[in-house]
């Protein structure tokens, strides 16, 4: 997956890149980008882009799918498992009257645990494989494509 953006800050081999929403994003709404005009991404700066350069970012499609599974599907599974566990536990106690309450408590408890797990995972070095890379400079310092001699 490739996107265009503008470098707003660099530090070492990392760059903060402002990505503007495309028209397709307004219809999709999967990642929430459709509701915002721009998003800030931290990317590995593999081409030495400087502040205000317009750049091309790349993230492998398989990594986008894996990240979506981690962020959306795993919490859903934890929520459903907690709901199921709550009803089973209430049934085991012989308290069907509190089954929905217990299911809700355990469901949201497991959902919270999934978010804690994702937060812990995001601090590990393995998360770097889900990070975008700057793979090309479209224009230097925000200059138009035809105006810059080094594009």
C-alpha atoms as a PDB file:
ATOM      1  CA  UNK A   1       0.000   0.000   0.000  1.00  0.00           C
ATOM      2  CA  UNK A   2       1.434   3.369  -1.009  1.00  0.00           C
ATOM      3  CA  UNK A   3       0.439   6.832   0.187  1.00  0.00           C
ATOM      4  CA  UNK A   4       1.679  10.347  -0.432  1.00  0.00           C
ATOM      5  CA  UNK A   5       2.462  12.692   2.438  1.00  0.00           C
ATOM      6  CA  UNK A   6       4.518  15.638   3.655  1.00  0.00           C
ATOM      7  CA  UNK A   7       7.344  15.319   6.180  1.00  0.00           C
ATOM      8  CA  UNK A   8       6.641  17.534   9.175  1.00  0.00           C
ATOM      9  CA  UNK A   9       9.540  16.445  11.385  1.00  0.00           C
ATOM     10  CA  UNK A  10      12.630  14.240  11.211  1.00  0.00           C
ATOM     11  CA  UNK A  11      14.735  12.661  13.938  1.00  0.00           C
ATOM     12  CA  UNK A  12      17.569  10.354  12.959  1.00  0.00           C
ATOM     13  CA  UNK A  13      16.229   7.774  10.532  1.00  0.00           C
ATOM     14  CA  UNK A  14      12.590   8.422  11.504  1.00  0.00           C
ATOM     15  CA  UNK A  15      10.147  10.915  10.028  1.00  0.00           C
ATOM     16  CA  UNK A  16       6.709  12.153  11.050  1.00  0.00           C
ATOM     17  CA  UNK A  17       4.676  12.330   7.876  1.00  0.00           C
ATOM     18  CA  UNK A  18       1.339  14.072   7.432  1.00  0.00           C
ATOM     19  CA  UNK A  19      -0.892  12.038   5.131  1.00  0.00           C
ATOM     20  CA  UNK A  20      -3.932  13.683   3.582  1.00  0.00           C
ATOM     21  CA  UNK A  21      -7.183  11.833   3.048  1.00  0.00           C
ATOM     22  CA  UNK A  22      -8.018  10.628  -0.434  1.00  0.00           C
ATOM     23  CA  UNK A  23     -11.550  10.567  -1.823  1.00  0.00           C
ATOM     24  CA  UNK A  24     -11.743   6.776  -1.374  1.00  0.00           C
ATOM     25  CA  UNK A  25     -11.257   7.181   2.371  1.00  0.00           C
ATOM     26  CA  UNK A  26     -14.503   9.110   2.809  1.00  0.00           C
ATOM     27  CA  UNK A  27     -16.504   6.086   1.609  1.00  0.00           C
ATOM     28  CA  UNK A  28     -14.536   3.347   3.380  1.00  0.00           C
ATOM     29  CA  UNK A  29     -14.491   4.377   7.071  1.00  0.00           C
ATOM     30  CA  UNK A  30     -12.684   1.158   8.122  1.00  0.00           C
ATOM     31  CA  UNK A  31      -9.725   2.812   9.835  1.00  0.00           C
ATOM     32  CA  UNK A  32     -11.414   6.032  10.914  1.00  0.00           C
ATOM     33  CA  UNK A  33      -9.266   8.037   8.493  1.00  0.00           C
ATOM     34  CA  UNK A  34     -12.409   8.867   6.546  1.00  0.00           C
ATOM     35  CA  UNK A  35     -13.595  11.104   9.363  1.00  0.00           C
ATOM     36  CA  UNK A  36     -10.384  13.176   9.468  1.00  0.00           C
ATOM     37  CA  UNK A  37      -8.697  15.328   6.846  1.00  0.00           C
ATOM     38  CA  UNK A  38      -5.201  14.162   7.756  1.00  0.00           C
ATOM     39  CA  UNK A  39      -3.331  11.645   9.845  1.00  0.00           C
ATOM     40  CA  UNK A  40       0.225  11.711  11.213  1.00  0.00           C
ATOM     41  CA  UNK A  41       2.313   8.578  10.664  1.00  0.00           C
ATOM     42  CA  UNK A  42       5.765   7.784  12.001  1.00  0.00           C
ATOM     43  CA  UNK A  43       7.834   6.175   9.260  1.00  0.00           C
ATOM     44  CA  UNK A  44      11.349   4.898   8.739  1.00  0.00           C
ATOM     45  CA  UNK A  45      13.125   7.491   6.612  1.00  0.00           C
ATOM     46  CA  UNK A  46      15.020   5.262   4.172  1.00  0.00           C
ATOM     47  CA  UNK A  47      15.699   8.007   1.600  1.00  0.00           C
ATOM     48  CA  UNK A  48      16.885  10.908   3.758  1.00  0.00           C
ATOM     49  CA  UNK A  49      13.813  13.073   3.325  1.00  0.00           C
ATOM     50  CA  UNK A  50      13.893  16.458   5.052  1.00  0.00           C
ATOM     51  CA  UNK A  51      11.200  18.587   6.658  1.00  0.00           C
ATOM     52  CA  UNK A  52       8.527  19.834   4.184  1.00  0.00           C
ATOM     53  CA  UNK A  53       9.507  17.272   1.514  1.00  0.00           C
ATOM     54  CA  UNK A  54       6.581  15.537  -0.159  1.00  0.00           C
ATOM     55  CA  UNK A  55       7.237  11.812   0.030  1.00  0.00           C
ATOM     56  CA  UNK A  56       5.829   8.434  -0.887  1.00  0.00           C
ATOM     57  CA  UNK A  57       5.210   5.995   1.964  1.00  0.00           C
ATOM     58  CA  UNK A  58       4.903   2.246   1.675  1.00  0.00           C
ATOM     59  CA  UNK A  59       3.450  -0.400   3.961  1.00  0.00           C
ATOM     60  CA  UNK A  60       3.032  -3.947   2.756  1.00  0.00           C
ATOM     61  CA  UNK A  61      -0.604  -4.937   2.256  1.00  0.00           C
ATOM     62  CA  UNK A  62      -0.107  -8.102   4.323  1.00  0.00           C
ATOM     63  CA  UNK A  63       1.124  -5.995   7.237  1.00  0.00           C
ATOM     64  CA  UNK A  64      -1.922  -3.714   6.942  1.00  0.00           C
ATOM     65  CA  UNK A  65      -4.190  -6.764   7.180  1.00  0.00           C
ATOM     66  CA  UNK A  66      -2.265  -8.168  10.156  1.00  0.00           C
ATOM     67  CA  UNK A  67      -2.416  -4.827  11.947  1.00  0.00           C
ATOM     68  CA  UNK A  68      -6.170  -4.621  11.308  1.00  0.00           C
ATOM     69  CA  UNK A  69      -6.624  -8.117  12.755  1.00  0.00           C
ATOM     70  CA  UNK A  70      -4.655  -7.151  15.855  1.00  0.00           C
ATOM     71  CA  UNK A  71      -6.542  -3.913  16.400  1.00  0.00           C
ATOM     72  CA  UNK A  72     -10.077  -5.002  15.463  1.00  0.00           C
ATOM     73  CA  UNK A  73     -10.518  -8.789  15.415  1.00  0.00           C
ATOM     74  CA  UNK A  74      -8.576  -9.803  18.534  1.00  0.00           C
ATOM     75  CA  UNK A  75     -10.503  -7.403  20.828  1.00  0.00           C
ATOM     76  CA  UNK A  76     -13.771  -8.636  19.299  1.00  0.00           C
ATOM     77  CA  UNK A  77     -12.789 -12.244  19.999  1.00  0.00           C
ATOM     78  CA  UNK A  78     -11.879 -11.362  23.588  1.00  0.00           C
ATOM     79  CA  UNK A  79     -15.212  -9.553  24.051  1.00  0.00           C
ATOM     80  CA  UNK A  80     -17.211 -12.486  22.694  1.00  0.00           C
ATOM     81  CA  UNK A  81     -15.210 -14.961  24.758  1.00  0.00           C
ATOM     82  CA  UNK A  82     -15.866 -12.908  27.895  1.00  0.00           C
ATOM     83  CA  UNK A  83     -19.589 -12.755  27.115  1.00  0.00           C
ATOM     84  CA  UNK A  84     -19.691 -16.523  26.604  1.00  0.00           C
ATOM     85  CA  UNK A  85     -17.649 -17.184  29.739  1.00  0.00           C
ATOM     86  CA  UNK A  86     -19.954 -14.963  31.790  1.00  0.00           C
ATOM     87  CA  UNK A  87     -23.079 -16.853  30.743  1.00  0.00           C
ATOM     88  CA  UNK A  88     -21.419 -20.220  31.311  1.00  0.00           C
ATOM     89  CA  UNK A  89     -20.156 -19.140  34.722  1.00  0.00           C
ATOM     90  CA  UNK A  90     -23.594 -17.818  35.757  1.00  0.00           C
ATOM     91  CA  UNK A  91     -25.192 -21.054  34.578  1.00  0.00           C
ATOM     92  CA  UNK A  92     -22.632 -23.054  36.525  1.00  0.00           C
ATOM     93  CA  UNK A  93     -23.499 -21.064  39.663  1.00  0.00           C
ATOM     94  CA  UNK A  94     -27.189 -21.652  39.028  1.00  0.00           C
ATOM     95  CA  UNK A  95     -27.811 -17.896  38.820  1.00  0.00           C
ATOM     96  CA  UNK A  96     -29.425 -17.340  35.437  1.00  0.00           C
ATOM     97  CA  UNK A  97     -30.859 -14.075  36.775  1.00  0.00           C
ATOM     98  CA  UNK A  98     -27.406 -12.432  36.725  1.00  0.00           C
ATOM     99  CA  UNK A  99     -26.177 -14.111  33.537  1.00  0.00           C
ATOM    100  CA  UNK A 100     -26.400 -10.975  31.399  1.00  0.00           C
ATOM    101  CA  UNK A 101     -24.730  -8.821  34.053  1.00  0.00           C
ATOM    102  CA  UNK A 102     -21.910 -11.318  34.548  1.00  0.00           C
ATOM    103  CA  UNK A 103     -21.532 -11.710  30.783  1.00  0.00           C
ATOM    104  CA  UNK A 104     -21.248  -7.940  30.345  1.00  0.00           C
ATOM    105  CA  UNK A 105     -18.720  -7.582  33.163  1.00  0.00           C
ATOM    106  CA  UNK A 106     -16.525 -10.419  31.887  1.00  0.00           C
ATOM    107  CA  UNK A 107     -16.968  -9.355  28.262  1.00  0.00           C
ATOM    108  CA  UNK A 108     -15.778  -5.822  28.905  1.00  0.00           C
ATOM    109  CA  UNK A 109     -13.107  -7.117  31.284  1.00  0.00           C
ATOM    110  CA  UNK A 110     -11.685  -9.357  28.579  1.00  0.00           C
ATOM    111  CA  UNK A 111     -11.970  -6.519  26.075  1.00  0.00           C
ATOM    112  CA  UNK A 112      -9.883  -4.351  28.404  1.00  0.00           C
ATOM    113  CA  UNK A 113      -7.340  -7.170  28.752  1.00  0.00           C
ATOM    114  CA  UNK A 114      -7.043  -7.392  24.987  1.00  0.00           C
ATOM    115  CA  UNK A 115      -6.301  -3.658  24.788  1.00  0.00           C
ATOM    116  CA  UNK A 116      -3.681  -3.996  27.530  1.00  0.00           C
ATOM    117  CA  UNK A 117      -2.105  -6.864  25.574  1.00  0.00           C
ATOM    118  CA  UNK A 118      -2.090  -4.834  22.369  1.00  0.00           C
ATOM    119  CA  UNK A 119      -0.534  -1.867  24.196  1.00  0.00           C
ATOM    120  CA  UNK A 120       2.190  -4.129  25.608  1.00  0.00           C
ATOM    121  CA  UNK A 121       2.783  -5.673  22.171  1.00  0.00           C
ATOM    122  CA  UNK A 122       3.076  -2.224  20.588  1.00  0.00           C
ATOM    123  CA  UNK A 123       6.063  -1.440  22.832  1.00  0.00           C
ATOM    124  CA  UNK A 124       8.043  -4.483  21.627  1.00  0.00           C
ATOM    125  CA  UNK A 125      10.659  -4.208  18.852  1.00  0.00           C
ATOM    126  CA  UNK A 126       8.583  -6.597  16.707  1.00  0.00           C
ATOM    127  CA  UNK A 127       6.097  -3.790  16.085  1.00  0.00           C
ATOM    128  CA  UNK A 128       8.576  -2.186  13.663  1.00  0.00           C
ATOM    129  CA  UNK A 129       7.375  -4.552  10.929  1.00  0.00           C
ATOM    130  CA  UNK A 130       4.043  -2.672  10.979  1.00  0.00           C
ATOM    131  CA  UNK A 131       5.746   0.681  10.446  1.00  0.00           C
ATOM    132  CA  UNK A 132       5.604   2.535   7.149  1.00  0.00           C
ATOM    133  CA  UNK A 133       8.762   3.361   5.198  1.00  0.00           C
ATOM    134  CA  UNK A 134       9.512   6.499   3.221  1.00  0.00           C
ATOM    135  CA  UNK A 135      10.485   5.036  -0.152  1.00  0.00           C
ATOM    136  CA  UNK A 136      10.690   8.110  -2.355  1.00  0.00           C
ATOM    137  CA  UNK A 137      10.799  11.877  -2.418  1.00  0.00           C
ATOM    138  CA  UNK A 138       8.139  13.321  -4.714  1.00  0.00           C
ATOM    139  CA  UNK A 139       9.271  16.931  -4.300  1.00  0.00           C
ATOM    140  CA  UNK A 140      11.840  18.690  -2.129  1.00  0.00           C
ATOM    141  CA  UNK A 141      10.701  21.153   0.549  1.00  0.00           C
ATOM    142  CA  UNK A 142       7.151  21.302  -0.806  1.00  0.00           C
ATOM    143  CA  UNK A 143       8.245  22.557  -4.254  1.00  0.00           C
ATOM    144  CA  UNK A 144       6.109  21.565  -7.217  1.00  0.00           C
ATOM    145  CA  UNK A 145       7.275  18.525  -9.170  1.00  0.00           C
ATOM    146  CA  UNK A 146       8.276  20.511 -12.236  1.00  0.00           C
ATOM    147  CA  UNK A 147       9.929  23.339 -10.286  1.00  0.00           C
ATOM    148  CA  UNK A 148      12.608  21.305  -8.512  1.00  0.00           C
ATOM    149  CA  UNK A 149      15.740  20.207 -10.333  1.00  0.00           C
ATOM    150  CA  UNK A 150      16.478  17.326  -7.963  1.00  0.00           C
ATOM    151  CA  UNK A 151      13.172  15.432  -8.207  1.00  0.00           C
END
